[in-house]
Amino acid sequence: MKNVPNLKTVEHLVELEIMGLNDIIILQNKVDCVKENKAVKQYEAIRQFIKGTRAEAAPIVPISAQLNCNIDCCDYIVNSYSVKGFYLRTKDTTVRSFDVNKPAAGIDELKGGVTGRSLLKGVLKLNQIIEIRPGILMEDDDGNLGCRPIILRVVSLYDEQNKLELAVPVTNWCVRFLLCLERCLMYMEK
């Protein structure tokens, strides 16, 4: 029997714990590819795995994406959650970072920074200016330490392999940033 959960599922649960998300749905996919007793054993293994985590009370929905089985159930569950978070100020967390720049690349060849993120609330759009806080630890002329936020502009958004126009709180996605030097300098002058 294939390991339940697989490594990617373990990573996703760790990310949910770090982000503090509580609105969770677990999809038990490809139930059409196994016998009923094996699907039940997988369900029990999933239930055991999530015991004591944020996902403990989450519904586990057996689905077959290929056969469109229980997709309507997922749609109902997702649409029953409040969408008020979409209208709040954007708040997200970095899950991982990627170096997409080639070694010894010239300034004109730099692609910017890329991070894997999860949006907790709000919506993130292309060309949106965001702040990374606390930012950079700096010392002023009097020797006092303080933090200055890093100001960035969103230049691309992706989830898995799809290019996005905006990111919403129900997905993990990657964002490519460019540093907004003029705005960073404004903070440094304060």
Protein backbone atom coordinates (compact mmCIF):
# COMPACT_ATOMS: atom_id res chain seq x y z
CA MET A 1 0.00 0.00 0.00
CA LYS A 2 1.30 3.44 -0.92
CA ASN A 3 2.36 5.44 2.12
CA VAL A 4 -0.42 7.50 3.64
CA PRO A 5 0.36 10.30 4.04
CA ASN A 6 2.93 10.94 1.34
CA LEU A 7 5.81 13.35 1.88
CA LYS A 8 4.06 16.26 0.10
CA THR A 9 1.06 15.86 2.44
CA VAL A 10 3.36 15.99 5.47
CA GLU A 11 4.92 19.22 4.12
CA HIS A 12 1.47 20.75 3.56
CA LEU A 13 0.37 19.95 7.12
CA VAL A 14 3.55 21.50 8.52
CA GLU A 15 2.84 24.65 6.46
CA LEU A 16 -0.75 24.79 7.78
CA GLU A 17 0.52 24.50 11.34
CA ILE A 18 3.10 27.28 10.81
CA MET A 19 0.53 29.60 9.20
CA GLY A 20 -2.13 28.93 11.81
CA LEU A 21 -4.83 28.15 9.23
CA ASN A 22 -7.99 26.53 10.55
CA ASP A 23 -10.24 26.28 7.47
CA ILE A 24 -8.97 22.98 6.09
CA ILE A 25 -10.43 20.38 3.74
CA ILE A 26 -8.64 17.10 3.08
CA LEU A 27 -9.20 15.49 -0.32
CA GLN A 28 -8.66 11.74 -0.56
CA ASN A 29 -8.15 11.57 -4.33
CA LYS A 30 -8.18 8.62 -6.73
CA VAL A 31 -10.59 6.52 -4.66
CA ASP A 32 -11.72 5.03 -7.97
CA CYS A 33 -8.29 3.39 -8.33
CA VAL A 34 -8.48 1.28 -5.15
CA LYS A 35 -10.89 -1.23 -3.65
CA GLU A 36 -13.29 0.02 -1.00
CA ASN A 37 -11.49 -1.67 1.91
CA LYS A 38 -8.18 -0.06 0.86
CA ALA A 39 -9.85 3.36 0.59
CA VAL A 40 -11.24 2.89 4.12
CA LYS A 41 -7.76 1.95 5.43
CA GLN A 42 -6.30 5.05 3.75
CA TYR A 43 -9.06 7.17 5.31
CA GLU A 44 -8.25 5.73 8.76
CA ALA A 45 -4.52 6.38 8.20
CA ILE A 46 -5.26 10.00 7.25
CA ARG A 47 -7.51 10.43 10.31
CA GLN A 48 -4.73 9.02 12.53
CA PHE A 49 -2.09 11.24 10.90
CA ILE A 50 -4.04 14.48 11.52
CA LYS A 51 -4.92 13.63 15.11
CA GLY A 52 -3.74 16.42 17.42
CA THR A 53 -3.15 18.90 14.56
CA ARG A 54 -5.12 21.88 13.22
CA ALA A 55 -6.58 19.54 10.63
CA GLU A 56 -8.03 17.09 13.19
CA ALA A 57 -11.63 18.26 12.68
CA ALA A 58 -11.28 18.84 8.93
CA PRO A 59 -13.63 16.96 6.64
CA ILE A 60 -11.98 14.20 4.60
CA VAL A 61 -13.71 14.06 1.23
CA PRO A 62 -13.12 10.98 -0.94
CA ILE A 63 -12.95 12.14 -4.55
CA SER A 64 -12.13 11.07 -8.06
CA ALA A 65 -11.12 14.13 -10.02
CA GLN A 66 -11.09 12.15 -13.28
CA LEU A 67 -14.63 10.85 -12.77
CA ASN A 68 -15.84 14.15 -11.28
CA CYS A 69 -16.94 12.23 -8.17
CA ASN A 70 -17.66 14.40 -5.09
CA ILE A 71 -16.26 17.53 -6.74
CA ASP A 72 -19.66 19.15 -6.12
CA CYS A 73 -19.22 18.33 -2.42
CA CYS A 74 -15.86 20.13 -2.40
CA ASP A 75 -17.44 23.10 -4.15
CA TYR A 76 -20.18 23.24 -1.51
CA ILE A 77 -17.70 23.08 1.38
CA VAL A 78 -15.40 25.73 -0.10
CA ASN A 79 -18.27 28.09 -0.91
CA SER A 80 -19.71 27.72 2.59
CA TYR A 81 -16.62 29.40 4.05
CA SER A 82 -16.79 33.15 4.52
CA VAL A 83 -15.08 35.25 1.86
CA LYS A 84 -14.63 38.27 4.12
CA GLY A 85 -10.89 37.57 4.27
CA PHE A 86 -10.58 38.62 0.62
CA TYR A 87 -11.41 42.20 1.55
CA LEU A 88 -8.91 42.52 4.39
CA ARG A 89 -5.42 43.99 4.19
CA THR A 90 -3.07 41.47 2.60
CA LYS A 91 -1.22 39.23 5.05
CA ASP A 92 0.85 36.25 4.00
CA THR A 93 3.70 34.07 5.13
CA THR A 94 6.80 32.84 3.32
CA VAL A 95 7.00 29.07 3.12
CA ARG A 96 10.23 28.80 1.12
CA SER A 97 12.49 30.79 -1.20
CA PHE A 98 14.08 29.97 -4.54
CA ASP A 99 17.20 31.30 -6.25
CA VAL A 100 16.24 31.76 -9.90
CA ASN A 101 19.19 33.98 -10.78
CA LYS A 102 22.08 32.46 -12.73
CA PRO A 103 25.50 32.53 -11.03
CA ALA A 104 27.54 35.62 -11.93
CA ALA A 105 24.57 37.19 -13.74
CA GLY A 106 24.87 40.86 -14.59
CA ILE A 107 22.45 43.42 -13.14
CA ASP A 108 20.35 43.43 -16.32
CA GLU A 109 20.00 39.63 -16.14
CA LEU A 110 18.76 39.43 -12.53
CA LYS A 111 15.23 38.08 -12.20
CA GLY A 112 14.54 39.34 -8.68
CA GLY A 113 13.59 37.23 -5.69
CA VAL A 114 11.14 34.32 -5.74
CA THR A 115 9.34 32.97 -2.71
CA GLY A 116 6.75 30.28 -2.12
CA ARG A 117 4.00 31.88 -0.06
CA SER A 118 0.61 31.24 1.47
CA LEU A 119 -1.89 34.05 1.68
CA LEU A 120 -3.68 34.25 5.04
CA LYS A 121 -6.04 37.09 4.11
CA GLY A 122 -6.56 39.66 1.40
CA VAL A 123 -5.66 39.39 -2.28
CA LEU A 124 -2.26 39.86 -3.90
CA LYS A 125 -2.16 41.30 -7.44
CA LEU A 126 0.45 41.85 -10.12
CA ASN A 127 2.34 45.15 -9.72
CA GLN A 128 1.14 45.48 -6.12
CA ILE A 129 3.67 47.08 -3.78
CA ILE A 130 4.19 45.08 -0.60
CA GLU A 131 6.30 45.39 2.54
CA ILE A 132 8.34 42.60 4.09
CA ARG A 133 8.53 43.17 7.85
CA PRO A 134 10.36 43.44 10.14
CA GLY A 135 12.84 43.96 7.29
CA ILE A 136 16.46 44.98 7.65
CA LEU A 137 18.05 45.71 11.03
CA MET A 138 19.79 49.09 10.80
CA GLU A 139 21.65 51.45 13.09
CA ASP A 140 20.97 55.20 12.96
CA ASP A 141 23.52 57.99 13.48
CA ASP A 142 22.94 57.89 17.27
CA GLY A 143 23.64 54.15 17.47
CA ASN A 144 19.99 53.17 17.94
CA LEU A 145 18.91 49.94 16.29
CA GLY A 146 15.69 49.73 14.31
CA CYS A 147 14.07 47.77 11.53
CA ARG A 148 13.29 49.12 8.09
CA PRO A 149 10.77 47.25 5.93
CA ILE A 150 11.83 45.91 2.54
CA ILE A 151 9.57 47.31 -0.18
CA LEU A 152 8.89 45.07 -3.18
CA ARG A 153 6.77 45.04 -6.32
CA VAL A 154 5.02 41.82 -7.39
CA VAL A 155 6.07 41.06 -10.98
CA SER A 156 4.64 37.54 -11.41
CA LEU A 157 2.45 35.03 -9.59
CA TYR A 158 2.27 31.27 -10.15
CA ASP A 159 0.51 28.31 -8.54
CA GLU A 160 2.19 25.03 -9.44
CA GLN A 161 2.46 25.66 -13.24
CA ASN A 162 -0.22 28.28 -13.89
CA LYS A 163 0.46 31.97 -14.28
CA LEU A 164 -1.94 34.02 -12.13
CA GLU A 165 -3.28 37.55 -12.25
CA LEU A 166 -3.97 37.48 -8.50
CA ALA A 167 -3.50 35.18 -5.52
CA VAL A 168 -6.23 34.41 -2.99
CA PRO A 169 -6.11 32.90 0.53
CA VAL A 170 -7.02 29.35 -0.52
CA THR A 171 -3.86 28.49 -2.48
CA ASN A 172 -0.12 28.15 -2.17
CA TRP A 173 1.68 30.11 -4.86
CA CYS A 174 5.03 31.53 -5.91
CA VAL A 175 5.68 35.21 -6.37
CA ARG A 176 8.58 36.95 -8.08
CA PHE A 177 9.54 40.31 -6.58
CA LEU A 178 11.62 43.26 -7.64
CA LEU A 179 13.06 45.59 -5.03
CA CYS A 180 11.48 49.06 -5.06
CA LEU A 181 14.61 51.06 -4.39
CA GLU A 182 12.97 54.47 -4.31
CA ARG A 183 10.50 53.36 -1.62
CA CYS A 184 13.20 51.62 0.44
CA LEU A 185 15.23 54.82 0.34
CA MET A 186 12.21 56.78 1.63
CA TYR A 187 12.14 54.54 4.73
CA MET A 188 15.88 54.81 5.22
CA GLU A 189 15.65 58.61 5.22
CA LYS A 190 13.06 58.60 8.04
